[in-house]
PDB file of N, CA and C in Angstrom:
ATOM      1  N   MET A   1      22.264  49.601 -12.258  1.00  0.00           N
ATOM      2  CA  MET A   1      21.612  49.623 -11.152  1.00  0.00           C
ATOM      3  C   MET A   1      20.106  49.530 -11.043  1.00  0.00           C
ATOM      4  N   LYS A   2      19.490  49.930 -12.109  1.00  0.00           N
ATOM      5  CA  LYS A   2      17.650  49.336 -12.083  1.00  0.00           C
ATOM      6  C   LYS A   2      17.119  47.306 -11.526  1.00  0.00           C
ATOM      7  N   LYS A   3      18.521  46.961 -12.357  1.00  0.00           N
ATOM      8  CA  LYS A   3      18.753  45.294 -12.644  1.00  0.00           C
ATOM      9  C   LYS A   3      19.320  44.699 -10.980  1.00  0.00           C
ATOM     10  N   THR A   4      19.780  45.562 -10.305  1.00  0.00           N
ATOM     11  CA  THR A   4      20.627  45.505  -9.161  1.00  0.00           C
ATOM     12  C   THR A   4      19.653  45.882  -8.275  1.00  0.00           C
ATOM     13  N   ALA A   5      18.827  46.700  -8.013  1.00  0.00           N
ATOM     14  CA  ALA A   5      17.779  47.383  -7.807  1.00  0.00           C
ATOM     15  C   ALA A   5      16.504  45.609  -7.051  1.00  0.00           C
ATOM     16  N   LEU A   6      16.006  45.648  -8.691  1.00  0.00           N
ATOM     17  CA  LEU A   6      15.680  44.234  -8.454  1.00  0.00           C
ATOM     18  C   LEU A   6      15.344  43.174  -8.598  1.00  0.00           C
ATOM     19  N   LEU A   7      17.188  42.924  -8.372  1.00  0.00           N
ATOM     20  CA  LEU A   7      17.224  41.671  -8.253  1.00  0.00           C
ATOM     21  C   LEU A   7      17.502  41.819  -6.939  1.00  0.00           C
ATOM     22  N   ILE A   8      17.731  42.848  -5.848  1.00  0.00           N
ATOM     23  CA  ILE A   8      17.882  42.953  -4.343  1.00  0.00           C
ATOM     24  C   ILE A   8      15.952  42.744  -3.828  1.00  0.00           C
ATOM     25  N   VAL A   9      15.352  43.529  -4.638  1.00  0.00           N
ATOM     26  CA  VAL A   9      14.150  43.438  -4.220  1.00  0.00           C
ATOM     27  C   VAL A   9      13.808  41.949  -4.643  1.00  0.00           C
ATOM     28  N   ALA A  10      13.726  40.859  -6.009  1.00  0.00           N
ATOM     29  CA  ALA A  10      13.086  40.033  -5.950  1.00  0.00           C
ATOM     30  C   ALA A  10      14.293  38.913  -4.582  1.00  0.00           C
ATOM     31  N   LEU A  11      14.606  38.950  -3.979  1.00  0.00           N
ATOM     32  CA  LEU A  11      15.479  38.330  -2.939  1.00  0.00           C
ATOM     33  C   LEU A  11      14.853  38.409  -1.541  1.00  0.00           C
ATOM     34  N   GLY A  12      14.283  39.603  -1.918  1.00  0.00           N
ATOM     35  CA  GLY A  12      13.477  39.760  -0.949  1.00  0.00           C
ATOM     36  C   GLY A  12      12.483  39.189  -0.437  1.00  0.00           C
ATOM     37  N   LEU A  13      11.799  39.294  -1.838  1.00  0.00           N
ATOM     38  CA  LEU A  13      10.697  38.617  -1.404  1.00  0.00           C
ATOM     39  C   LEU A  13      10.699  37.017  -1.549  1.00  0.00           C
ATOM     40  N   LEU A  14      11.557  36.441  -2.084  1.00  0.00           N
ATOM     41  CA  LEU A  14      12.206  35.446  -2.227  1.00  0.00           C
ATOM     42  C   LEU A  14      12.059  34.575  -0.195  1.00  0.00           C
ATOM     43  N   THR A  15      13.090  35.427   0.103  1.00  0.00           N
ATOM     44  CA  THR A  15      13.253  34.801   1.536  1.00  0.00           C
ATOM     45  C   THR A  15      12.062  34.941   2.701  1.00  0.00           C
ATOM     46  N   ALA A  16      10.849  36.534   1.700  1.00  0.00           N
ATOM     47  CA  ALA A  16       9.723  36.206   2.743  1.00  0.00           C
ATOM     48  C   ALA A  16       8.836  34.304   2.519  1.00  0.00           C
ATOM     49  N   CYS A  17       9.291  34.288   1.738  1.00  0.00           N
ATOM     50  CA  CYS A  17       8.280  33.119   0.838  1.00  0.00           C
ATOM     51  C   CYS A  17       8.690  31.919   1.823  1.00  0.00           C
ATOM     52  N   GLU A  18      10.183  31.884   2.969  1.00  0.00           N
ATOM     53  CA  GLU A  18      10.540  30.754   3.808  1.00  0.00           C
ATOM     54  C   GLU A  18      10.002  30.760   5.452  1.00  0.00           C
ATOM     55  N   GLY A  19       9.311  29.959   5.355  1.00  0.00           N
ATOM     56  CA  GLY A  19       8.480  29.480   6.869  1.00  0.00           C
ATOM     57  C   GLY A  19       8.355  28.010   6.983  1.00  0.00           C
ATOM     58  N   PRO A  20       8.529  28.264   8.576  1.00  0.00           N
ATOM     59  CA  PRO A  20       8.557  27.074   9.077  1.00  0.00           C
ATOM     60  C   PRO A  20       7.958  25.263   7.801  1.00  0.00           C
ATOM     61  N   VAL A  21       8.236  24.191   8.162  1.00  0.00           N
ATOM     62  CA  VAL A  21       8.052  23.173   7.368  1.00  0.00           C
ATOM     63  C   VAL A  21       6.650  21.989   7.802  1.00  0.00           C
ATOM     64  N   TYR A  22       5.850  21.934   7.421  1.00  0.00           N
ATOM     65  CA  TYR A  22       4.896  20.387   8.449  1.00  0.00           C
ATOM     66  C   TYR A  22       5.209  19.672   8.009  1.00  0.00           C
ATOM     67  N   ARG A  23       4.790  18.665   8.796  1.00  0.00           N
ATOM     68  CA  ARG A  23       5.077  17.122   7.822  1.00  0.00           C
ATOM     69  C   ARG A  23       3.666  16.873   8.566  1.00  0.00           C
ATOM     70  N   THR A  24       3.494  16.623   7.168  1.00  0.00           N
ATOM     71  CA  THR A  24       1.792  15.910   7.506  1.00  0.00           C
ATOM     72  C   THR A  24       2.009  13.763   8.035  1.00  0.00           C
ATOM     73  N   ASN A  25       1.284  13.795   8.340  1.00  0.00           N
ATOM     74  CA  ASN A  25       0.992  12.458   8.636  1.00  0.00           C
ATOM     75  C   ASN A  25       0.562  11.366   6.847  1.00  0.00           C
ATOM     76  N   LEU A  26       1.757  10.107   7.520  1.00  0.00           N
ATOM     77  CA  LEU A  26       1.407   9.561   5.738  1.00  0.00           C
ATOM     78  C   LEU A  26       0.252   8.872   5.545  1.00  0.00           C
ATOM     79  N   GLU A  27      -0.713   8.740   5.484  1.00  0.00           N
ATOM     80  CA  GLU A  27      -2.050   7.703   5.435  1.00  0.00           C
ATOM     81  C   GLU A  27      -1.712   6.524   4.265  1.00  0.00           C
ATOM     82  N   VAL A  28      -1.983   4.896   4.913  1.00  0.00           N
ATOM     83  CA  VAL A  28      -1.772   3.936   4.476  1.00  0.00           C
ATOM     84  C   VAL A  28      -2.865   3.123   4.101  1.00  0.00           C
ATOM     85  N   TYR A  29      -3.468   3.582   3.089  1.00  0.00           N
ATOM     86  CA  TYR A  29      -5.042   2.793   2.482  1.00  0.00           C
ATOM     87  C   TYR A  29      -4.397   0.727   2.099  1.00  0.00           C
ATOM     88  N   CYS A  30      -5.058  -0.112   3.203  1.00  0.00           N
ATOM     89  CA  CYS A  30      -4.764  -1.233   3.213  1.00  0.00           C
ATOM     90  C   CYS A  30      -6.146  -2.013   2.071  1.00  0.00           C
ATOM     91  N   PRO A  31      -6.645  -2.801   1.123  1.00  0.00           N
ATOM     92  CA  PRO A  31      -7.462  -3.090   0.770  1.00  0.00           C
ATOM     93  C   PRO A  31      -7.792  -3.895   2.229  1.00  0.00           C
ATOM     94  N   PRO A  32      -8.748  -4.432   2.253  1.00  0.00           N
ATOM     95  CA  PRO A  32      -9.623  -5.545   3.371  1.00  0.00           C
ATOM     96  C   PRO A  32      -9.020  -7.091   3.126  1.00  0.00           C
ATOM     97  N   ILE A  33      -9.150  -7.803   3.960  1.00  0.00           N
ATOM     98  CA  ILE A  33      -9.168  -9.312   3.626  1.00  0.00           C
ATOM     99  C   ILE A  33      -9.477  -9.732   4.105  1.00  0.00           C
ATOM    100  N   LYS A  34     -10.691 -10.945   3.281  1.00  0.00           N
ATOM    101  CA  LYS A  34     -11.741 -11.872   3.353  1.00  0.00           C
ATOM    102  C   LYS A  34     -12.017 -12.155   4.213  1.00  0.00           C
ATOM    103  N   HIS A  35     -11.905 -13.105   5.812  1.00  0.00           N
ATOM    104  CA  HIS A  35     -11.874 -13.837   6.383  1.00  0.00           C
ATOM    105  C   HIS A  35     -12.351 -14.956   6.325  1.00  0.00           C
ATOM    106  N   TYR A  36     -12.048 -15.937   6.086  1.00  0.00           N
ATOM    107  CA  TYR A  36     -12.725 -17.088   6.019  1.00  0.00           C
ATOM    108  C   TYR A  36     -12.743 -18.062   7.130  1.00  0.00           C
ATOM    109  N   SER A  37     -13.078 -19.153   8.020  1.00  0.00           N
ATOM    110  CA  SER A  37     -13.798 -19.903   9.044  1.00  0.00           C
ATOM    111  C   SER A  37     -12.722 -20.755   8.852  1.00  0.00           C
ATOM    112  N   PRO A  38     -11.928 -21.432   9.807  1.00  0.00           N
ATOM    113  CA  PRO A  38     -11.215 -22.902   9.662  1.00  0.00           C
ATOM    114  C   PRO A  38     -12.046 -24.067   8.345  1.00  0.00           C
ATOM    115  N   GLU A  39     -13.477 -23.972   9.060  1.00  0.00           N
ATOM    116  CA  GLU A  39     -14.296 -24.866   8.241  1.00  0.00           C
ATOM    117  C   GLU A  39     -14.284 -25.087   6.660  1.00  0.00           C
ATOM    118  N   PHE A  40     -13.891 -23.824   6.527  1.00  0.00           N
ATOM    119  CA  PHE A  40     -14.637 -23.310   4.844  1.00  0.00           C
ATOM    120  C   PHE A  40     -12.921 -23.373   4.437  1.00  0.00           C
ATOM    121  N   ASN A  41     -12.228 -23.351   5.145  1.00  0.00           N
ATOM    122  CA  ASN A  41     -10.883 -23.169   4.416  1.00  0.00           C
ATOM    123  C   ASN A  41     -10.197 -25.059   4.868  1.00  0.00           C
ATOM    124  N   GLU A  42     -10.976 -25.783   4.829  1.00  0.00           N
ATOM    125  CA  GLU A  42     -10.435 -26.930   5.180  1.00  0.00           C
ATOM    126  C   GLU A  42     -11.613 -27.819   3.573  1.00  0.00           C
ATOM    127  N   ALA A  43     -12.658 -27.416   4.069  1.00  0.00           N
ATOM    128  CA  ALA A  43     -13.877 -27.646   2.707  1.00  0.00           C
ATOM    129  C   ALA A  43     -12.788 -26.935   1.494  1.00  0.00           C
ATOM    130  N   LEU A  44     -12.352 -26.361   1.294  1.00  0.00           N
ATOM    131  CA  LEU A  44     -11.969 -26.146   0.266  1.00  0.00           C
ATOM    132  C   LEU A  44     -10.452 -26.277   0.182  1.00  0.00           C
ATOM    133  N   ALA A  45      -9.882 -27.161   0.499  1.00  0.00           N
ATOM    134  CA  ALA A  45      -8.849 -27.779   0.259  1.00  0.00           C
ATOM    135  C   ALA A  45      -9.106 -28.625   0.104  1.00  0.00           C
ATOM    136  N   SER A  46      -9.886 -29.699   0.420  1.00  0.00           N
ATOM    137  CA  SER A  46     -10.692 -31.123  -0.023  1.00  0.00           C
ATOM    138  C   SER A  46     -10.745 -31.129  -1.090  1.00  0.00           C
ATOM    139  N   GLU A  47     -11.604 -29.536  -1.734  1.00  0.00           N
ATOM    140  CA  GLU A  47     -12.477 -29.779  -3.087  1.00  0.00           C
ATOM    141  C   GLU A  47     -11.310 -29.471  -3.759  1.00  0.00           C
ATOM    142  N   LEU A  48     -10.060 -29.028  -3.573  1.00  0.00           N
ATOM    143  CA  LEU A  48      -9.226 -28.671  -4.236  1.00  0.00           C
ATOM    144  C   LEU A  48      -8.432 -29.614  -4.558  1.00  0.00           C
ATOM    145  N   GLU A  49      -8.232 -31.292  -3.679  1.00  0.00           N
ATOM    146  CA  GLU A  49      -7.137 -32.090  -3.475  1.00  0.00           C
ATOM    147  C   GLU A  49      -7.927 -32.799  -4.316  1.00  0.00           C
ATOM    148  N   ALA A  50      -9.470 -32.796  -4.252  1.00  0.00           N
ATOM    149  CA  ALA A  50     -10.247 -33.734  -5.704  1.00  0.00           C
ATOM    150  C   ALA A  50     -10.516 -33.457  -6.497  1.00  0.00           C
ATOM    151  N   LEU A  51      -9.823 -32.240  -7.441  1.00  0.00           N
ATOM    152  CA  LEU A  51      -9.980 -32.033  -8.644  1.00  0.00           C
ATOM    153  C   LEU A  51      -8.572 -33.395  -8.903  1.00  0.00           C
ATOM    154  N   PRO A  52      -9.100 -33.865 -10.382  1.00  0.00           N
ATOM    155  CA  PRO A  52      -8.061 -34.489 -11.384  1.00  0.00           C
ATOM    156  C   PRO A  52      -7.219 -33.869 -11.631  1.00  0.00           C
ATOM    157  N   GLN A  53      -6.291 -34.346 -11.808  1.00  0.00           N
ATOM    158  CA  GLN A  53      -4.771 -33.924 -11.620  1.00  0.00           C
ATOM    159  C   GLN A  53      -4.392 -33.001 -13.234  1.00  0.00           C
ATOM    160  N   SER A  54      -4.842 -33.403 -13.965  1.00  0.00           N
ATOM    161  CA  SER A  54      -5.357 -32.750 -15.104  1.00  0.00           C
ATOM    162  C   SER A  54      -5.566 -30.743 -14.825  1.00  0.00           C
ATOM    163  N   HIS A  55      -6.162 -30.654 -13.935  1.00  0.00           N
ATOM    164  CA  HIS A  55      -6.836 -28.551 -13.745  1.00  0.00           C
ATOM    165  C   HIS A  55      -5.788 -28.502 -12.967  1.00  0.00           C
ATOM    166  N   GLU A  56      -5.121 -27.567 -14.323  1.00  0.00           N
ATOM    167  CA  GLU A  56      -3.894 -26.499 -13.207  1.00  0.00           C
ATOM    168  C   GLU A  56      -4.405 -25.127 -13.255  1.00  0.00           C
ATOM    169  N   ILE A  57      -5.858 -24.145 -14.027  1.00  0.00           N
ATOM    170  CA  ILE A  57      -5.583 -22.931 -13.682  1.00  0.00           C
ATOM    171  C   ILE A  57      -6.484 -23.080 -12.037  1.00  0.00           C
ATOM    172  N   ILE A  58      -7.543 -23.757 -11.927  1.00  0.00           N
ATOM    173  CA  ILE A  58      -7.720 -23.407 -10.847  1.00  0.00           C
ATOM    174  C   ILE A  58      -6.874 -23.137  -9.156  1.00  0.00           C
ATOM    175  N   PRO A  59      -5.370 -24.223  -9.239  1.00  0.00           N
ATOM    176  CA  PRO A  59      -5.247 -24.091  -8.418  1.00  0.00           C
ATOM    177  C   PRO A  59      -3.726 -22.964  -8.832  1.00  0.00           C
ATOM    178  N   ASN A  60      -3.744 -22.645 -10.191  1.00  0.00           N
ATOM    179  CA  ASN A  60      -3.004 -20.967  -9.831  1.00  0.00           C
ATOM    180  C   ASN A  60      -3.397 -20.163  -9.570  1.00  0.00           C
ATOM    181  N   THR A  61      -4.820 -20.651  -9.674  1.00  0.00           N
ATOM    182  CA  THR A  61      -5.230 -19.041  -9.188  1.00  0.00           C
ATOM    183  C   THR A  61      -5.630 -18.816  -7.497  1.00  0.00           C
ATOM    184  N   ILE A  62      -5.314 -20.250  -7.731  1.00  0.00           N
ATOM    185  CA  ILE A  62      -5.983 -20.237  -5.703  1.00  0.00           C
ATOM    186  C   ILE A  62      -4.765 -19.463  -5.056  1.00  0.00           C
ATOM    187  N   ARG A  63      -3.335 -20.083  -5.892  1.00  0.00           N
ATOM    188  CA  ARG A  63      -2.116 -19.486  -5.296  1.00  0.00           C
ATOM    189  C   ARG A  63      -1.760 -17.804  -5.476  1.00  0.00           C
ATOM    190  N   ASP A  64      -2.410 -17.379  -6.882  1.00  0.00           N
ATOM    191  CA  ASP A  64      -1.831 -15.921  -6.983  1.00  0.00           C
ATOM    192  C   ASP A  64      -3.084 -15.433  -5.986  1.00  0.00           C
ATOM    193  N   TYR A  65      -4.501 -15.925  -5.493  1.00  0.00           N
ATOM    194  CA  TYR A  65      -4.757 -14.997  -4.577  1.00  0.00           C
ATOM    195  C   TYR A  65      -3.943 -15.097  -3.460  1.00  0.00           C
ATOM    196  N   ALA A  66      -3.344 -16.470  -2.835  1.00  0.00           N
ATOM    197  CA  ALA A  66      -3.195 -16.477  -2.006  1.00  0.00           C
ATOM    198  C   ALA A  66      -1.728 -15.095  -1.253  1.00  0.00           C
ATOM    199  N   LYS A  67      -0.973 -15.413  -2.931  1.00  0.00           N
ATOM    200  CA  LYS A  67       0.176 -14.416  -3.125  1.00  0.00           C
ATOM    201  C   LYS A  67      -0.784 -12.876  -2.697  1.00  0.00           C
ATOM    202  N   LEU A  68      -1.533 -12.196  -3.125  1.00  0.00           N
ATOM    203  CA  LEU A  68      -2.368 -11.212  -2.911  1.00  0.00           C
ATOM    204  C   LEU A  68      -2.511 -11.131  -1.678  1.00  0.00           C
ATOM    205  N   ARG A  69      -3.261 -11.663  -0.815  1.00  0.00           N
ATOM    206  CA  ARG A  69      -3.540 -11.696   0.800  1.00  0.00           C
ATOM    207  C   ARG A  69      -1.941 -11.625   1.363  1.00  0.00           C
ATOM    208  N   ASP A  70      -0.814 -11.986   1.265  1.00  0.00           N
ATOM    209  CA  ASP A  70       0.246 -11.895   1.694  1.00  0.00           C
ATOM    210  C   ASP A  70       0.354 -10.388   2.157  1.00  0.00           C
ATOM    211  N   ARG A  71       0.863 -10.122   0.326  1.00  0.00           N
ATOM    212  CA  ARG A  71       0.548  -8.938   0.129  1.00  0.00           C
ATOM    213  C   ARG A  71      -0.496  -7.772   0.643  1.00  0.00           C
ATOM    214  N   ILE A  72      -1.254  -7.957   0.679  1.00  0.00           N
ATOM    215  CA  ILE A  72      -2.430  -7.207   1.535  1.00  0.00           C
ATOM    216  C   ILE A  72      -1.607  -7.263   3.391  1.00  0.00           C
ATOM    217  N   ARG A  73      -1.220  -8.467   3.354  1.00  0.00           N
ATOM    218  CA  ARG A  73      -0.967  -8.063   5.041  1.00  0.00           C
ATOM    219  C   ARG A  73       0.334  -7.849   5.067  1.00  0.00           C
ATOM    220  N   ALA A  74       1.374  -8.091   4.521  1.00  0.00           N
ATOM    221  CA  ALA A  74       2.429  -6.624   4.418  1.00  0.00           C
ATOM    222  C   ALA A  74       2.394  -5.509   4.462  1.00  0.00           C
ATOM    223  N   CYS A  75       1.505  -4.778   3.527  1.00  0.00           N
ATOM    224  CA  CYS A  75       0.028  -3.644   2.960  1.00  0.00           C
ATOM    225  C   CYS A  75      -0.270  -3.582   4.767  1.00  0.00           C
ATOM    226  N   GLU A  76      -0.227  -4.284   5.686  1.00  0.00           N
ATOM    227  CA  GLU A  76      -1.256  -3.601   6.693  1.00  0.00           C
ATOM    228  C   GLU A  76      -0.480  -3.460   7.652  1.00  0.00           C
ATOM    229  N   THR A  77       1.216  -4.628   7.651  1.00  0.00           N
ATOM    230  CA  THR A  77       1.858  -4.465   8.676  1.00  0.00           C
ATOM    231  C   THR A  77       2.867  -3.209   8.377  1.00  0.00           C
ATOM    232  N   GLU A  78       3.056  -2.913   7.567  1.00  0.00           N
ATOM    233  CA  GLU A  78       3.840  -1.880   7.177  1.00  0.00           C
ATOM    234  C   GLU A  78       2.959   0.112   7.874  1.00  0.00           C
ATOM    235  N   ARG A  79       1.490  -0.525   7.654  1.00  0.00           N
ATOM    236  CA  ARG A  79       0.943   1.326   7.894  1.00  0.00           C
ATOM    237  C   ARG A  79       0.931   0.812   9.279  1.00  0.00           C
ATOM    238  N   ASP A  80       0.609  -0.244   9.768  1.00  0.00           N
ATOM    239  CA  ASP A  80       0.527  -0.298  11.844  1.00  0.00           C
ATOM    240  C   ASP A  80       1.862   0.192  11.778  1.00  0.00           C
ATOM    241  N   LYS A  81       3.434   0.267  11.523  1.00  0.00           N
ATOM    242  CA  LYS A  81       4.450   0.822  12.059  1.00  0.00           C
ATOM    243  C   LYS A  81       4.487   1.586  12.075  1.00  0.00           C
ATOM    244  N   LEU A  82       3.898   2.853  10.481  1.00  0.00           N
ATOM    245  CA  LEU A  82       4.075   4.010  10.913  1.00  0.00           C
ATOM    246  C   LEU A  82       3.357   4.709  11.605  1.00  0.00           C
ATOM    247  N   ASP A  83       2.139   3.751  12.592  1.00  0.00           N
ATOM    248  CA  ASP A  83       0.809   4.388  12.792  1.00  0.00           C
ATOM    249  C   ASP A  83       1.191   4.274  13.894  1.00  0.00           C
ATOM    250  N   GLY A  84       2.202   3.145  15.018  1.00  0.00           N
ATOM    251  CA  GLY A  84       2.805   3.120  15.620  1.00  0.00           C
ATOM    252  C   GLY A  84       3.648   3.786  16.814  1.00  0.00           C
TER     253      GLY A  84
END
């Protein structure tokens, strides 16, 4: 009998915990992208093209950086979809 009474009290307390569920807005933070002028981009391209063909590290690093910037842009696009 005591177990039954405790079970009924416990179930009553658990149903009292039920309440409305609130959704919060998801906030997405993307790192800022440094914006370069067209003149800077042209100068950078010229300098990269002027490097000897034996240099692989700098162009590979620039490609990695470009991929990172693409990922940040994708993050911003997804964030804007959630905000809109």
